[in-house]
Each structure stands twice: as structure tokens, then as C-alpha cells.
N, C-alpha and C. Protein backbone atom coordinates (compact mmCIF):
# COMPACT_ATOMS: atom_id res chain seq x y z
N MET A 1 0.90 -1.08 0.01
CA MET A 1 -0.12 0.37 0.16
C MET A 1 0.78 1.34 -0.01
N SER A 2 0.34 2.33 -1.35
CA SER A 2 1.54 3.09 -1.00
C SER A 2 1.18 4.42 -0.08
N GLN A 3 1.69 5.16 0.06
CA GLN A 3 1.54 6.62 1.07
C GLN A 3 0.23 7.18 0.68
N THR A 4 -0.44 7.23 -0.46
CA THR A 4 -1.51 7.96 -0.86
C THR A 4 -2.83 7.05 -0.50
N SER A 5 -2.35 5.56 -0.61
CA SER A 5 -3.21 4.93 -0.18
C SER A 5 -3.95 4.67 1.47
N SER A 6 -2.56 4.64 2.06
CA SER A 6 -2.71 4.69 3.46
C SER A 6 -3.35 6.31 3.81
N ASP A 7 -3.02 7.24 3.18
CA ASP A 7 -3.72 8.42 3.49
C ASP A 7 -5.00 8.59 3.32
N ILE A 8 -5.47 7.79 2.10
CA ILE A 8 -6.71 7.85 1.90
C ILE A 8 -8.11 6.96 2.76
N VAL A 9 -7.02 5.65 3.40
CA VAL A 9 -7.57 5.13 3.94
C VAL A 9 -7.82 5.74 5.42
N ALA A 10 -6.86 6.24 5.78
CA ALA A 10 -6.85 7.27 7.24
C ALA A 10 -7.93 7.86 7.35
N LEU A 11 -8.07 8.84 6.16
CA LEU A 11 -9.00 9.65 5.90
C LEU A 11 -10.50 9.21 6.08
N VAL A 12 -10.83 8.34 5.28
CA VAL A 12 -12.23 7.55 5.13
C VAL A 12 -12.48 6.93 6.60
N ARG A 13 -11.52 6.54 7.29
CA ARG A 13 -11.55 6.02 8.83
C ARG A 13 -11.75 7.33 9.63
N GLU A 14 -11.05 8.13 9.47
CA GLU A 14 -11.72 9.25 10.22
C GLU A 14 -12.88 10.03 10.17
N ILE A 15 -13.99 9.58 8.63
CA ILE A 15 -14.84 10.21 8.63
C ILE A 15 -16.02 9.19 9.27
N VAL A 16 -15.61 7.92 8.88
CA VAL A 16 -16.47 6.67 9.38
C VAL A 16 -16.74 6.41 10.70
N GLU A 17 -15.55 6.59 11.70
CA GLU A 17 -15.68 6.09 13.08
C GLU A 17 -16.69 6.98 13.62
N PRO A 18 -16.46 8.15 13.63
CA PRO A 18 -17.64 8.74 14.52
C PRO A 18 -18.77 8.66 14.17
N LEU A 19 -19.25 8.07 12.86
CA LEU A 19 -20.83 7.87 12.48
C LEU A 19 -21.17 6.78 13.02
N VAL A 20 -20.53 5.54 13.34
CA VAL A 20 -21.33 4.39 14.01
C VAL A 20 -21.00 4.23 15.25
N GLU A 21 -21.61 3.38 15.94
CA GLU A 21 -22.10 2.97 17.06
C GLU A 21 -20.91 2.28 17.44
N ASP A 22 -20.60 0.92 16.89
CA ASP A 22 -19.70 0.04 16.85
C ASP A 22 -18.62 0.11 16.29
N LYS A 23 -17.71 1.12 17.08
CA LYS A 23 -16.40 1.30 16.09
C LYS A 23 -15.22 0.30 16.17
N GLU A 24 -15.33 -0.72 16.77
CA GLU A 24 -14.56 -1.91 16.88
C GLU A 24 -14.78 -2.82 15.53
N ALA A 25 -16.12 -2.35 14.82
CA ALA A 25 -16.46 -3.42 13.98
C ALA A 25 -15.65 -2.66 12.43
N VAL A 26 -15.45 -1.12 12.41
CA VAL A 26 -15.02 -0.76 11.59
C VAL A 26 -14.05 -1.18 10.60
N GLU A 27 -13.65 -1.28 9.53
CA GLU A 27 -12.45 -1.83 8.81
C GLU A 27 -12.42 -1.11 7.38
N VAL A 28 -11.40 -0.60 7.03
CA VAL A 28 -10.80 0.25 6.15
C VAL A 28 -9.92 -0.19 5.32
N SER A 29 -10.18 -0.80 4.02
CA SER A 29 -8.97 -1.61 3.59
C SER A 29 -8.63 -1.18 1.93
N SER A 30 -7.49 -1.45 1.58
CA SER A 30 -7.37 -0.85 0.26
C SER A 30 -6.88 -1.74 -1.17
N SER A 31 -7.53 -1.92 -2.11
CA SER A 31 -6.62 -2.75 -3.26
C SER A 31 -6.83 -1.94 -4.45
N PHE A 32 -6.81 -2.80 -5.31
CA PHE A 32 -6.54 -2.12 -6.63
C PHE A 32 -7.92 -2.85 -7.41
N SER A 33 -8.99 -2.10 -8.20
CA SER A 33 -9.78 -2.95 -8.80
C SER A 33 -9.13 -3.14 -10.19
N GLU A 34 -10.09 -4.00 -10.65
CA GLU A 34 -9.66 -4.46 -12.41
C GLU A 34 -9.56 -3.26 -13.22
N SER A 35 -10.01 -2.18 -13.05
CA SER A 35 -10.03 -1.00 -13.73
C SER A 35 -8.96 -0.22 -13.65
N GLY A 36 -7.79 -0.80 -12.64
CA GLY A 36 -6.62 0.01 -12.36
C GLY A 36 -6.70 0.85 -11.33
N SER A 37 -8.04 1.44 -10.89
CA SER A 37 -8.06 2.36 -9.95
C SER A 37 -7.97 1.86 -8.27
N GLU A 38 -7.76 2.63 -7.41
CA GLU A 38 -7.84 2.28 -6.15
C GLU A 38 -9.22 2.03 -5.53
N LEU A 39 -9.56 0.71 -4.84
CA LEU A 39 -10.47 0.34 -4.32
C LEU A 39 -10.38 0.46 -2.90
N VAL A 40 -11.39 1.49 -2.14
CA VAL A 40 -11.38 1.41 -0.47
C VAL A 40 -12.30 0.79 -0.19
N GLU A 41 -12.07 -0.38 0.50
CA GLU A 41 -13.45 -0.74 0.96
C GLU A 41 -13.94 -0.65 2.56
N ILE A 42 -15.14 -0.27 2.95
CA ILE A 42 -15.67 -0.16 4.23
C ILE A 42 -15.99 -1.19 4.75
N ARG A 43 -15.95 -1.74 5.75
CA ARG A 43 -16.93 -2.61 6.41
C ARG A 43 -17.24 -2.37 7.93
N VAL A 44 -18.84 -2.17 8.12
CA VAL A 44 -19.37 -2.01 8.92
C VAL A 44 -20.39 -2.98 9.72
N ALA A 45 -20.38 -2.60 11.15
CA ALA A 45 -21.82 -3.51 11.12
C ALA A 45 -23.19 -3.48 10.52
N ALA A 46 -23.66 -4.39 10.33
CA ALA A 46 -24.89 -4.16 9.72
C ALA A 46 -26.01 -3.35 10.48
N ASP A 47 -25.98 -3.06 11.73
CA ASP A 47 -26.84 -2.14 12.44
C ASP A 47 -26.40 -0.62 11.85
N ASP A 48 -24.94 -0.32 11.77
CA ASP A 48 -24.43 1.16 11.22
C ASP A 48 -24.21 1.25 9.88
N ALA A 49 -24.65 0.38 9.08
CA ALA A 49 -24.56 0.78 7.66
C ALA A 49 -25.65 2.13 7.24
N GLY A 50 -26.60 1.81 7.67
CA GLY A 50 -27.63 2.96 7.36
C GLY A 50 -27.27 4.46 7.93
N LYS A 51 -26.17 4.31 8.68
CA LYS A 51 -25.84 5.63 9.29
C LYS A 51 -24.44 6.08 8.36
N VAL A 52 -23.74 5.22 7.74
CA VAL A 52 -22.89 5.21 6.65
C VAL A 52 -23.25 6.03 5.43
N ILE A 53 -24.56 5.05 5.16
CA ILE A 53 -25.05 5.48 3.75
C ILE A 53 -25.97 6.82 4.10
N GLY A 54 -26.61 7.36 4.87
CA GLY A 54 -27.23 8.35 5.26
C GLY A 54 -28.50 8.76 4.34
N ARG A 55 -29.25 9.42 4.80
CA ARG A 55 -30.70 9.80 4.09
C ARG A 55 -30.31 9.73 2.32
N GLN A 56 -30.93 9.29 1.57
CA GLN A 56 -30.72 9.03 -0.05
C GLN A 56 -29.11 8.87 -0.21
N GLY A 57 -28.83 8.32 0.23
CA GLY A 57 -27.11 8.14 0.31
C GLY A 57 -26.26 9.23 0.20
N ARG A 58 -26.80 10.28 0.83
CA ARG A 58 -25.83 11.55 0.97
C ARG A 58 -24.56 11.36 1.76
N VAL A 59 -24.51 10.83 2.81
CA VAL A 59 -23.21 10.30 3.46
C VAL A 59 -22.33 9.58 2.84
N ILE A 60 -22.58 8.55 2.25
CA ILE A 60 -21.59 7.53 1.23
C ILE A 60 -21.21 8.39 0.17
N LYS A 61 -22.26 9.23 -0.72
CA LYS A 61 -21.95 10.09 -1.70
C LYS A 61 -20.70 11.23 -1.07
N SER A 62 -20.55 12.04 -0.19
CA SER A 62 -19.73 12.79 0.61
C SER A 62 -18.33 11.86 0.81
N ILE A 63 -18.92 10.67 1.53
CA ILE A 63 -17.09 10.26 1.65
C ILE A 63 -16.60 9.73 0.33
N ARG A 64 -17.61 9.05 -0.56
CA ARG A 64 -16.74 8.95 -1.87
C ARG A 64 -16.15 10.22 -2.57
N ILE A 65 -16.87 11.58 -2.47
CA ILE A 65 -16.32 12.70 -3.13
C ILE A 65 -14.91 13.30 -2.42
N LEU A 66 -15.05 13.03 -0.85
CA LEU A 66 -13.81 13.79 -0.37
C LEU A 66 -12.66 12.69 -0.74
N ALA A 67 -12.96 11.23 -0.78
CA ALA A 67 -12.00 10.42 -1.22
C ALA A 67 -11.43 10.60 -2.80
N ARG A 68 -12.09 10.87 -3.60
CA ARG A 68 -11.77 11.39 -4.95
C ARG A 68 -11.05 12.53 -5.01
N ALA A 69 -11.18 13.33 -4.27
CA ALA A 69 -10.69 14.60 -3.94
C ALA A 69 -9.34 14.67 -3.59
N ALA A 70 -8.84 13.57 -2.49
CA ALA A 70 -8.09 13.24 -1.95
C ALA A 70 -7.21 12.49 -3.05
N ALA A 71 -7.49 11.51 -3.88
CA ALA A 71 -6.94 11.10 -4.67
C ALA A 71 -6.49 11.78 -6.03
N CYS A 72 -6.97 12.53 -6.12
CA CYS A 72 -7.07 13.64 -7.82
C CYS A 72 -5.73 14.53 -7.22
N ALA A 73 -5.83 14.87 -5.77
CA ALA A 73 -4.66 15.93 -5.27
C ALA A 73 -3.38 15.38 -5.90
N ASP A 74 -3.14 14.05 -5.73
CA ASP A 74 -2.45 13.17 -6.07
C ASP A 74 -2.02 12.34 -7.60
N GLY A 75 -2.85 12.58 -8.06
CA GLY A 75 -3.11 11.89 -9.59
C GLY A 75 -3.42 10.72 -9.52
N GLY A 76 -4.23 10.46 -8.71
CA GLY A 76 -5.02 8.83 -8.75
C GLY A 76 -6.38 8.98 -9.02
N ASP A 77 -6.92 7.83 -9.01
CA ASP A 77 -8.32 7.54 -8.79
C ASP A 77 -8.91 6.53 -7.83
N VAL A 78 -9.95 6.87 -7.26
CA VAL A 78 -10.39 5.88 -6.25
C VAL A 78 -11.70 5.53 -6.27
N GLU A 79 -12.07 4.27 -5.89
CA GLU A 79 -13.28 4.23 -5.73
C GLU A 79 -13.93 3.45 -4.31
N VAL A 80 -14.87 4.01 -3.64
CA VAL A 80 -15.26 3.80 -2.27
C VAL A 80 -16.44 2.84 -2.11
N GLU A 81 -16.16 1.71 -1.41
CA GLU A 81 -17.63 0.77 -1.80
C GLU A 81 -17.76 0.41 -0.16
N LEU A 82 -19.04 0.18 0.06
CA LEU A 82 -19.47 -0.13 1.66
C LEU A 82 -19.85 -1.44 1.47
N ILE A 83 -19.52 -1.95 2.40
CA ILE A 83 -19.67 -3.62 2.84
C ILE A 83 -20.06 -3.71 4.22
N GLU A 84 -21.52 -4.42 4.37
CA GLU A 84 -22.24 -4.59 5.42
C GLU A 84 -21.54 -5.99 5.70
N ASP A 85 -21.23 -6.11 7.47
CA ASP A 85 -21.03 -7.62 8.06
C ASP A 85 -22.18 -8.19 8.62
């Protein structure tokens, strides 16, 4: 994982953890997708998924926008996915 990847993972974790009740269940990982862009996966407890998604998907959209902005600043591309456990 490169420095940029770890920065984006840290950014996403800082945003997600205050939103959820079960902070222990939060996992944020990074890999590369088939398209070549970075893929950041957020795993949260099933009870907390709605809080991360937000009304009409506004919260997860905002997280995606912030992650893309951070990646673009370093010349990269990132996709953010939410996975319920």
C-alpha cells in the first residue's frame, strides 16, 4: 500500500468512525480494482450501515467525493464501496 493509499484509508476511517456505534467493527482496506483504480472498502456492522449510507445516500456520496478529491490531488483515482457485515 502506497503512502497515498494509506492517507486515503486514514481519511475514510476518520470520517466513518464517528458515524457508527460499533467502532470496533469498522474496517477500511485498500486494494486495486480491475480497472486499475484504487478500491477502498469500508466494512461496518449491519446495524451501522444505514448511518454510513445516510438519507438518500448523501453520507456515502460525500465520503466518495472527499476520497476522490484526495486521490485526484495526488494524480490517482479511487472507488469507495460499503460492505455490510
